[in-house]
Amino acid sequence: MEKWQEQLGFTAEADWQHGLLLYQAYDRDADARDIKDTLDAVAKLPDCTGKIAVQGYCLGALMTFLTAVRCHVDAAVAYHGADTEKYLGEVDNLRASLLMHLGEEDEFISKPAQAQIKAALGSKPNATVYSYPGQRHAFARHNGAHYNAAAAALANGRTREFLHQQLR
């Protein structure tokens, strides 16, 4: 098996460090273009209702934000979107309804970065940011190191209601 095909865990330190290197090298702009191409293809499927939502966690949450500001989607849900603050210059392009979940004690999204995100999205009527006191990164990842059942249930319930409202 080639090195890029290996499965990385999230508990072993060596895997964690390798994953961080991959995260830093990841081409977000190329991925956003790939997501747009995928969305264009999905919109043409006969079973598509005409409404499209995206949802992501961690890097996927950043990509969800980028998709919401760069592509046509009806709704977007982002959990723990590290580095989102680096792309807030694009927030004026937000047309989709966006729901974001942030853990207040997230070790990958500093308190100043969270404040920037909340301020930028707070001026957008189609954006809602929920902040979860005492929660760390990936608090909603079942069986994860920082999983919190009550906070995850609250976030997931809010997500279900949001998607139900946006996609009906």
N, C-alpha and C. Protein backbone atom coordinates (compact mmCIF):
# COMPACT_ATOMS: atom_id res chain seq x y z
N MET A 1 0.85 -1.17 0.00
CA MET A 1 0.00 0.00 0.00
C MET A 1 0.90 1.24 0.00
N GLU A 2 0.55 2.20 -0.85
CA GLU A 2 1.33 3.43 -0.91
C GLU A 2 1.04 4.28 0.33
N LYS A 3 2.01 5.14 0.67
CA LYS A 3 1.91 5.95 1.88
C LYS A 3 0.62 6.78 1.92
N TRP A 4 0.21 7.38 0.79
CA TRP A 4 -0.98 8.23 0.78
C TRP A 4 -2.26 7.46 0.99
N GLN A 5 -2.21 6.14 0.87
CA GLN A 5 -3.41 5.33 1.05
C GLN A 5 -3.59 4.86 2.49
N GLU A 6 -2.63 5.12 3.34
CA GLU A 6 -2.72 4.65 4.72
C GLU A 6 -3.81 5.41 5.47
N GLN A 7 -4.41 4.73 6.40
CA GLN A 7 -5.42 5.34 7.26
C GLN A 7 -4.73 5.96 8.46
N LEU A 8 -4.95 7.24 8.69
CA LEU A 8 -4.38 7.90 9.86
C LEU A 8 -5.40 7.88 10.99
N GLY A 9 -4.92 7.63 12.19
CA GLY A 9 -5.77 7.70 13.36
C GLY A 9 -5.77 9.10 13.93
N PHE A 10 -6.53 9.34 14.97
CA PHE A 10 -6.52 10.66 15.59
C PHE A 10 -6.10 10.60 17.05
N THR A 11 -5.57 9.44 17.46
CA THR A 11 -5.09 9.34 18.84
C THR A 11 -3.58 9.17 18.92
N ALA A 12 -2.95 8.54 17.93
CA ALA A 12 -1.49 8.36 17.94
C ALA A 12 -0.81 9.68 17.57
N GLU A 13 0.18 10.08 18.34
CA GLU A 13 0.85 11.36 18.12
C GLU A 13 1.49 11.44 16.73
N ALA A 14 2.12 10.37 16.27
CA ALA A 14 2.76 10.38 14.94
C ALA A 14 1.71 10.60 13.85
N ASP A 15 0.57 9.92 13.96
CA ASP A 15 -0.50 10.12 12.99
C ASP A 15 -1.03 11.55 13.05
N TRP A 16 -1.17 12.05 14.25
CA TRP A 16 -1.67 13.41 14.45
C TRP A 16 -0.74 14.42 13.78
N GLN A 17 0.56 14.29 14.01
CA GLN A 17 1.53 15.22 13.43
C GLN A 17 1.54 15.11 11.90
N HIS A 18 1.45 13.89 11.38
CA HIS A 18 1.41 13.70 9.93
C HIS A 18 0.13 14.34 9.36
N GLY A 19 -0.98 14.16 10.05
CA GLY A 19 -2.23 14.77 9.62
C GLY A 19 -2.15 16.28 9.59
N LEU A 20 -1.48 16.89 10.57
CA LEU A 20 -1.33 18.35 10.60
C LEU A 20 -0.50 18.82 9.41
N LEU A 21 0.54 18.07 9.05
CA LEU A 21 1.33 18.42 7.86
C LEU A 21 0.48 18.36 6.60
N LEU A 22 -0.34 17.33 6.49
CA LEU A 22 -1.24 17.22 5.33
C LEU A 22 -2.25 18.37 5.31
N TYR A 23 -2.76 18.72 6.48
CA TYR A 23 -3.71 19.83 6.60
C TYR A 23 -3.08 21.13 6.10
N GLN A 24 -1.84 21.37 6.49
CA GLN A 24 -1.15 22.61 6.10
C GLN A 24 -0.86 22.64 4.59
N ALA A 25 -0.64 21.48 3.99
CA ALA A 25 -0.31 21.41 2.56
C ALA A 25 -1.54 21.38 1.66
N TYR A 26 -2.69 21.19 2.24
CA TYR A 26 -3.93 21.02 1.49
C TYR A 26 -4.26 22.25 0.66
N ASP A 27 -4.61 22.08 -0.60
CA ASP A 27 -4.93 23.18 -1.51
C ASP A 27 -6.44 23.47 -1.43
N ARG A 28 -6.79 24.41 -0.59
CA ARG A 28 -8.19 24.73 -0.36
C ARG A 28 -8.88 25.30 -1.60
N ASP A 29 -8.15 26.11 -2.38
CA ASP A 29 -8.75 26.70 -3.57
C ASP A 29 -9.06 25.63 -4.63
N ALA A 30 -8.15 24.68 -4.81
CA ALA A 30 -8.39 23.59 -5.76
C ALA A 30 -9.58 22.75 -5.30
N ASP A 31 -9.67 22.49 -4.00
CA ASP A 31 -10.79 21.71 -3.49
C ASP A 31 -12.11 22.46 -3.68
N ALA A 32 -12.10 23.77 -3.47
CA ALA A 32 -13.33 24.55 -3.67
C ALA A 32 -13.79 24.45 -5.12
N ARG A 33 -12.86 24.44 -6.06
CA ARG A 33 -13.23 24.27 -7.47
C ARG A 33 -13.81 22.87 -7.71
N ASP A 34 -13.20 21.86 -7.08
CA ASP A 34 -13.73 20.48 -7.21
C ASP A 34 -15.13 20.37 -6.62
N ILE A 35 -15.34 21.02 -5.48
CA ILE A 35 -16.67 20.99 -4.86
C ILE A 35 -17.69 21.66 -5.78
N LYS A 36 -17.32 22.79 -6.37
CA LYS A 36 -18.23 23.46 -7.30
C LYS A 36 -18.60 22.54 -8.45
N ASP A 37 -17.60 21.86 -9.02
CA ASP A 37 -17.88 20.92 -10.12
C ASP A 37 -18.83 19.81 -9.66
N THR A 38 -18.62 19.33 -8.45
CA THR A 38 -19.49 18.28 -7.90
C THR A 38 -20.92 18.81 -7.71
N LEU A 39 -21.04 20.01 -7.17
CA LEU A 39 -22.37 20.60 -6.97
C LEU A 39 -23.09 20.80 -8.30
N ASP A 40 -22.35 21.24 -9.32
CA ASP A 40 -22.95 21.42 -10.64
C ASP A 40 -23.48 20.09 -11.18
N ALA A 41 -22.72 19.01 -10.95
CA ALA A 41 -23.14 17.69 -11.41
C ALA A 41 -24.36 17.20 -10.62
N VAL A 42 -24.36 17.42 -9.30
CA VAL A 42 -25.49 16.99 -8.46
C VAL A 42 -26.76 17.72 -8.87
N ALA A 43 -26.65 18.99 -9.16
CA ALA A 43 -27.84 19.78 -9.53
C ALA A 43 -28.51 19.24 -10.79
N LYS A 44 -27.77 18.53 -11.62
CA LYS A 44 -28.31 17.99 -12.87
C LYS A 44 -28.89 16.59 -12.71
N LEU A 45 -28.72 15.99 -11.54
CA LEU A 45 -29.25 14.64 -11.34
C LEU A 45 -30.77 14.67 -11.31
N PRO A 46 -31.41 13.66 -11.87
CA PRO A 46 -32.88 13.67 -11.90
C PRO A 46 -33.53 13.65 -10.52
N ASP A 47 -32.85 13.08 -9.53
CA ASP A 47 -33.41 13.02 -8.18
C ASP A 47 -33.17 14.28 -7.36
N CYS A 48 -32.42 15.23 -7.90
CA CYS A 48 -32.15 16.48 -7.17
C CYS A 48 -33.43 17.31 -7.13
N THR A 49 -33.78 17.77 -5.95
CA THR A 49 -35.00 18.57 -5.77
C THR A 49 -34.79 20.02 -6.18
N GLY A 50 -33.56 20.38 -6.48
CA GLY A 50 -33.26 21.77 -6.79
C GLY A 50 -32.65 22.50 -5.62
N LYS A 51 -32.63 21.87 -4.45
CA LYS A 51 -32.02 22.47 -3.27
C LYS A 51 -30.82 21.62 -2.87
N ILE A 52 -29.74 22.31 -2.50
CA ILE A 52 -28.50 21.62 -2.14
C ILE A 52 -27.97 22.19 -0.83
N ALA A 53 -27.55 21.29 0.05
CA ALA A 53 -26.91 21.68 1.31
C ALA A 53 -25.57 20.98 1.42
N VAL A 54 -24.65 21.61 2.11
CA VAL A 54 -23.36 21.00 2.41
C VAL A 54 -23.13 21.08 3.91
N GLN A 55 -22.38 20.12 4.43
CA GLN A 55 -22.07 20.08 5.85
C GLN A 55 -20.67 19.52 6.02
N GLY A 56 -19.90 20.11 6.93
CA GLY A 56 -18.55 19.63 7.14
C GLY A 56 -18.06 19.87 8.55
N TYR A 57 -17.03 19.12 8.89
CA TYR A 57 -16.41 19.16 10.21
C TYR A 57 -14.92 19.46 10.05
N CYS A 58 -14.38 20.34 10.89
CA CYS A 58 -12.96 20.69 10.92
C CYS A 58 -12.56 21.26 9.55
N LEU A 59 -11.64 20.61 8.84
CA LEU A 59 -11.28 21.09 7.50
C LEU A 59 -12.51 21.10 6.60
N GLY A 60 -13.37 20.12 6.76
CA GLY A 60 -14.62 20.08 5.99
C GLY A 60 -15.51 21.28 6.31
N ALA A 61 -15.44 21.78 7.54
CA ALA A 61 -16.21 22.97 7.90
C ALA A 61 -15.65 24.21 7.22
N LEU A 62 -14.33 24.32 7.14
CA LEU A 62 -13.73 25.42 6.40
C LEU A 62 -14.16 25.33 4.94
N MET A 63 -14.12 24.13 4.37
CA MET A 63 -14.53 23.95 2.98
C MET A 63 -16.02 24.23 2.81
N THR A 64 -16.81 23.94 3.83
CA THR A 64 -18.24 24.28 3.79
C THR A 64 -18.41 25.79 3.72
N PHE A 65 -17.66 26.52 4.54
CA PHE A 65 -17.72 27.98 4.50
C PHE A 65 -17.32 28.48 3.10
N LEU A 66 -16.20 27.97 2.58
CA LEU A 66 -15.75 28.41 1.26
C LEU A 66 -16.78 28.08 0.18
N THR A 67 -17.41 26.93 0.30
CA THR A 67 -18.46 26.56 -0.64
C THR A 67 -19.63 27.53 -0.54
N ALA A 68 -19.99 27.91 0.68
CA ALA A 68 -21.13 28.82 0.88
C ALA A 68 -20.86 30.21 0.31
N VAL A 69 -19.60 30.63 0.27
CA VAL A 69 -19.30 31.97 -0.26
C VAL A 69 -18.88 31.94 -1.73
N ARG A 70 -18.52 30.77 -2.24
CA ARG A 70 -18.04 30.70 -3.63
C ARG A 70 -18.96 29.96 -4.59
N CYS A 71 -19.92 29.24 -4.09
CA CYS A 71 -20.76 28.39 -4.94
C CYS A 71 -22.23 28.65 -4.65
N HIS A 72 -23.07 28.08 -5.50
CA HIS A 72 -24.50 28.16 -5.22
C HIS A 72 -24.93 26.94 -4.42
N VAL A 73 -25.26 27.16 -3.16
CA VAL A 73 -25.90 26.16 -2.32
C VAL A 73 -26.99 26.88 -1.55
N ASP A 74 -27.95 26.12 -1.08
CA ASP A 74 -29.05 26.72 -0.33
C ASP A 74 -28.77 26.80 1.15
N ALA A 75 -27.99 25.84 1.65
CA ALA A 75 -27.70 25.81 3.08
C ALA A 75 -26.33 25.20 3.31
N ALA A 76 -25.68 25.64 4.39
CA ALA A 76 -24.36 25.14 4.74
C ALA A 76 -24.25 25.05 6.25
N VAL A 77 -23.69 23.95 6.75
CA VAL A 77 -23.51 23.75 8.18
C VAL A 77 -22.04 23.43 8.43
N ALA A 78 -21.41 24.21 9.30
CA ALA A 78 -19.99 24.05 9.60
C ALA A 78 -19.79 23.79 11.09
N TYR A 79 -19.15 22.67 11.40
CA TYR A 79 -18.79 22.33 12.78
C TYR A 79 -17.28 22.50 12.93
N HIS A 80 -16.85 23.30 13.89
CA HIS A 80 -15.43 23.42 14.27
C HIS A 80 -14.55 23.86 13.09
N GLY A 81 -14.90 24.90 12.39
CA GLY A 81 -14.19 25.31 11.18
C GLY A 81 -12.89 26.07 11.41
N ALA A 82 -11.83 25.34 11.69
CA ALA A 82 -10.52 25.96 11.90
C ALA A 82 -10.09 26.70 10.63
N ASP A 83 -9.46 27.83 10.80
CA ASP A 83 -8.93 28.70 9.74
C ASP A 83 -9.99 29.49 8.99
N THR A 84 -11.24 29.39 9.38
CA THR A 84 -12.29 30.17 8.71
C THR A 84 -11.97 31.66 8.76
N GLU A 85 -11.39 32.11 9.86
CA GLU A 85 -11.09 33.54 10.00
C GLU A 85 -10.17 34.05 8.89
N LYS A 86 -9.39 33.18 8.29
CA LYS A 86 -8.46 33.59 7.22
C LYS A 86 -9.19 33.92 5.93
N TYR A 87 -10.45 33.52 5.83
CA TYR A 87 -11.22 33.71 4.60
C TYR A 87 -12.42 34.64 4.79
N LEU A 88 -12.44 35.37 5.89
CA LEU A 88 -13.59 36.24 6.16
C LEU A 88 -13.70 37.40 5.19
N GLY A 89 -12.65 37.68 4.44
CA GLY A 89 -12.72 38.70 3.40
C GLY A 89 -13.72 38.35 2.31
N GLU A 90 -14.14 37.09 2.26
CA GLU A 90 -15.10 36.64 1.26
C GLU A 90 -16.54 36.62 1.79
N VAL A 91 -16.75 37.04 3.04
CA VAL A 91 -18.06 36.90 3.67
C VAL A 91 -19.15 37.69 2.95
N ASP A 92 -18.80 38.75 2.25
CA ASP A 92 -19.82 39.52 1.52
C ASP A 92 -20.43 38.71 0.38
N ASN A 93 -19.78 37.63 -0.02
CA ASN A 93 -20.31 36.76 -1.08
C ASN A 93 -21.25 35.69 -0.54
N LEU A 94 -21.49 35.67 0.76
CA LEU A 94 -22.34 34.65 1.36
C LEU A 94 -23.79 34.86 0.93
N ARG A 95 -24.31 33.91 0.15
CA ARG A 95 -25.70 33.96 -0.28
C ARG A 95 -26.51 32.84 0.37
N ALA A 96 -25.85 31.74 0.67
CA ALA A 96 -26.50 30.59 1.30
C ALA A 96 -26.82 30.90 2.76
N SER A 97 -27.75 30.18 3.31
CA SER A 97 -27.97 30.22 4.76
C SER A 97 -26.86 29.38 5.39
N LEU A 98 -26.22 29.93 6.39
CA LEU A 98 -25.07 29.28 7.02
C LEU A 98 -25.32 29.12 8.50
N LEU A 99 -25.04 27.93 9.00
CA LEU A 99 -25.08 27.63 10.43
C LEU A 99 -23.69 27.16 10.82
N MET A 100 -23.13 27.78 11.86
CA MET A 100 -21.79 27.40 12.31
C MET A 100 -21.81 27.08 13.80
N HIS A 101 -21.10 26.00 14.16
CA HIS A 101 -20.97 25.57 15.55
C HIS A 101 -19.51 25.72 15.97
N LEU A 102 -19.27 26.46 17.07
CA LEU A 102 -17.92 26.67 17.58
C LEU A 102 -17.84 26.27 19.06
N GLY A 103 -16.83 25.49 19.40
CA GLY A 103 -16.55 25.20 20.80
C GLY A 103 -15.73 26.33 21.39
N GLU A 104 -16.18 26.92 22.47
CA GLU A 104 -15.50 28.10 23.03
C GLU A 104 -14.06 27.82 23.46
N GLU A 105 -13.74 26.58 23.78
CA GLU A 105 -12.38 26.23 24.21
C GLU A 105 -11.64 25.47 23.12
N ASP A 106 -12.01 25.70 21.86
CA ASP A 106 -11.38 25.02 20.72
C ASP A 106 -9.90 25.37 20.66
N GLU A 107 -9.07 24.35 20.70
CA GLU A 107 -7.63 24.57 20.69
C GLU A 107 -7.09 24.93 19.31
N PHE A 108 -7.92 24.84 18.27
CA PHE A 108 -7.49 25.18 16.92
C PHE A 108 -8.12 26.46 16.40
N ILE A 109 -9.06 27.00 17.14
CA ILE A 109 -9.68 28.27 16.77
C ILE A 109 -9.57 29.17 18.00
N SER A 110 -8.63 30.08 17.96
CA SER A 110 -8.37 30.94 19.12
C SER A 110 -9.59 31.79 19.45
N LYS A 111 -9.61 32.30 20.66
CA LYS A 111 -10.72 33.19 21.05
C LYS A 111 -10.76 34.43 20.16
N PRO A 112 -9.61 35.05 19.82
CA PRO A 112 -9.69 36.18 18.88
C PRO A 112 -10.23 35.77 17.50
N ALA A 113 -9.85 34.58 17.02
CA ALA A 113 -10.37 34.11 15.73
C ALA A 113 -11.87 33.87 15.83
N GLN A 114 -12.33 33.30 16.94
CA GLN A 114 -13.76 33.10 17.12
C GLN A 114 -14.49 34.44 17.14
N ALA A 115 -13.91 35.43 17.78
CA ALA A 115 -14.53 36.76 17.82
C ALA A 115 -14.61 37.36 16.41
N GLN A 116 -13.57 37.16 15.61
CA GLN A 116 -13.59 37.65 14.23
C GLN A 116 -14.71 36.97 13.43
N ILE A 117 -14.82 35.66 13.58
CA ILE A 117 -15.85 34.90 12.87
C ILE A 117 -17.24 35.39 13.27
N LYS A 118 -17.45 35.52 14.59
CA LYS A 118 -18.76 35.95 15.08
C LYS A 118 -19.09 37.36 14.61
N ALA A 119 -18.11 38.26 14.61
CA ALA A 119 -18.35 39.63 14.17
C ALA A 119 -18.67 39.68 12.68
N ALA A 120 -17.92 38.96 11.87
CA ALA A 120 -18.14 38.98 10.42
C ALA A 120 -19.48 38.36 10.05
N LEU A 121 -19.82 37.26 10.69
CA LEU A 121 -21.07 36.58 10.35
C LEU A 121 -22.27 37.21 11.06
N GLY A 122 -22.02 37.91 12.15
CA GLY A 122 -23.11 38.55 12.90
C GLY A 122 -23.83 39.62 12.10
N SER A 123 -23.16 40.18 11.12
CA SER A 123 -23.79 41.21 10.29
C SER A 123 -24.56 40.62 9.12
N LYS A 124 -24.52 39.31 8.97
CA LYS A 124 -25.20 38.64 7.86
C LYS A 124 -26.52 38.04 8.34
N PRO A 125 -27.64 38.46 7.78
CA PRO A 125 -28.93 37.94 8.25
C PRO A 125 -29.13 36.45 7.94
N ASN A 126 -28.35 35.91 7.04
CA ASN A 126 -28.48 34.50 6.66
C ASN A 126 -27.46 33.61 7.35
N ALA A 127 -26.78 34.14 8.37
CA ALA A 127 -25.78 33.36 9.10
C ALA A 127 -26.12 33.31 10.58
N THR A 128 -25.92 32.13 11.17
CA THR A 128 -26.11 31.93 12.61
C THR A 128 -24.90 31.19 13.14
N VAL A 129 -24.33 31.72 14.22
CA VAL A 129 -23.19 31.07 14.86
C VAL A 129 -23.60 30.72 16.28
N TYR A 130 -23.46 29.43 16.62
CA TYR A 130 -23.69 28.99 17.98
C TYR A 130 -22.34 28.69 18.61
N SER A 131 -22.20 29.13 19.84
CA SER A 131 -20.97 28.94 20.60
C SER A 131 -21.29 28.04 21.79
N TYR A 132 -20.44 27.07 22.03
CA TYR A 132 -20.69 26.06 23.07
C TYR A 132 -19.67 26.21 24.19
N PRO A 133 -20.10 26.77 25.34
CA PRO A 133 -19.20 27.00 26.46
C PRO A 133 -18.53 25.71 26.94
N GLY A 134 -17.25 25.81 27.23
CA GLY A 134 -16.49 24.69 27.78
C GLY A 134 -16.13 23.61 26.77
N GLN A 135 -16.56 23.76 25.52
CA GLN A 135 -16.32 22.70 24.53
C GLN A 135 -15.06 22.94 23.73
N ARG A 136 -14.37 21.84 23.44
CA ARG A 136 -13.14 21.88 22.67
C ARG A 136 -13.40 21.46 21.23
N HIS A 137 -12.35 21.41 20.45
CA HIS A 137 -12.46 21.05 19.05
C HIS A 137 -13.06 19.65 18.91
N ALA A 138 -13.95 19.50 17.98
CA ALA A 138 -14.58 18.21 17.65
C ALA A 138 -15.44 17.66 18.79
N PHE A 139 -16.07 18.55 19.54
CA PHE A 139 -16.94 18.10 20.64
C PHE A 139 -18.11 17.26 20.14
N ALA A 140 -18.43 17.35 18.86
CA ALA A 140 -19.55 16.59 18.32
C ALA A 140 -19.13 15.30 17.62
N ARG A 141 -17.82 14.99 17.62
CA ARG A 141 -17.34 13.77 16.97
C ARG A 141 -17.52 12.58 17.91
N HIS A 142 -18.50 11.75 17.60
CA HIS A 142 -18.81 10.59 18.43
C HIS A 142 -17.55 9.75 18.65
N ASN A 143 -17.31 9.39 19.88
CA ASN A 143 -16.14 8.61 20.30
C ASN A 143 -14.82 9.36 20.16
N GLY A 144 -14.87 10.66 19.89
CA GLY A 144 -13.65 11.46 19.82
C GLY A 144 -13.15 11.81 21.21
N ALA A 145 -11.94 12.30 21.28
CA ALA A 145 -11.30 12.63 22.56
C ALA A 145 -12.07 13.71 23.34
N HIS A 146 -12.74 14.62 22.63
CA HIS A 146 -13.43 15.72 23.30
C HIS A 146 -14.95 15.65 23.12
N TYR A 147 -15.44 14.48 22.77
CA TYR A 147 -16.87 14.32 22.54
C TYR A 147 -17.66 14.67 23.80
N ASN A 148 -18.71 15.44 23.61
CA ASN A 148 -19.61 15.79 24.71
C ASN A 148 -21.02 15.51 24.22
N ALA A 149 -21.64 14.50 24.78
CA ALA A 149 -22.95 14.04 24.30
C ALA A 149 -24.00 15.15 24.34
N ALA A 150 -24.04 15.91 25.42
CA ALA A 150 -25.07 16.95 25.54
C ALA A 150 -24.85 18.07 24.53
N ALA A 151 -23.61 18.53 24.39
CA ALA A 151 -23.33 19.59 23.42
C ALA A 151 -23.54 19.10 21.99
N ALA A 152 -23.14 17.86 21.73
CA ALA A 152 -23.34 17.28 20.39
C ALA A 152 -24.82 17.16 20.07
N ALA A 153 -25.61 16.71 21.03
CA ALA A 153 -27.05 16.57 20.81
C ALA A 153 -27.69 17.94 20.54
N LEU A 154 -27.26 18.96 21.27
CA LEU A 154 -27.79 20.30 21.05
C LEU A 154 -27.41 20.80 19.65
N ALA A 155 -26.14 20.66 19.28
CA ALA A 155 -25.67 21.10 17.96
C ALA A 155 -26.37 20.32 16.85
N ASN A 156 -26.47 19.02 17.01
CA ASN A 156 -27.10 18.19 15.98
C ASN A 156 -28.59 18.49 15.86
N GLY A 157 -29.24 18.77 16.96
CA GLY A 157 -30.66 19.16 16.91
C GLY A 157 -30.84 20.48 16.19
N ARG A 158 -29.96 21.42 16.48
CA ARG A 158 -30.02 22.71 15.79
C ARG A 158 -29.78 22.53 14.30
N THR A 159 -28.86 21.64 13.97
CA THR A 159 -28.57 21.37 12.56
C THR A 159 -29.77 20.75 11.86
N ARG A 160 -30.40 19.77 12.49
CA ARG A 160 -31.59 19.14 11.89
C ARG A 160 -32.68 20.18 11.62
N GLU A 161 -32.96 21.01 12.60
CA GLU A 161 -33.99 22.03 12.45
C GLU A 161 -33.62 23.03 11.34
N PHE A 162 -32.38 23.46 11.32
CA PHE A 162 -31.90 24.39 10.31
C PHE A 162 -32.06 23.81 8.90
N LEU A 163 -31.59 22.57 8.72
CA LEU A 163 -31.69 21.95 7.40
C LEU A 163 -33.15 21.72 7.00
N HIS A 164 -33.96 21.34 7.97
CA HIS A 164 -35.39 21.15 7.69
C HIS A 164 -36.01 22.45 7.18
N GLN A 165 -35.68 23.56 7.84
CA GLN A 165 -36.23 24.86 7.42
C GLN A 165 -35.70 25.29 6.07
N GLN A 166 -34.43 25.08 5.83
CA GLN A 166 -33.81 25.59 4.60
C GLN A 166 -34.13 24.75 3.37
N LEU A 167 -34.38 23.47 3.55
CA LEU A 167 -34.51 22.59 2.40
C LEU A 167 -35.94 22.18 2.05
N ARG A 168 -36.91 22.63 2.82
CA ARG A 168 -38.27 22.24 2.47
C ARG A 168 -38.82 23.08 1.35
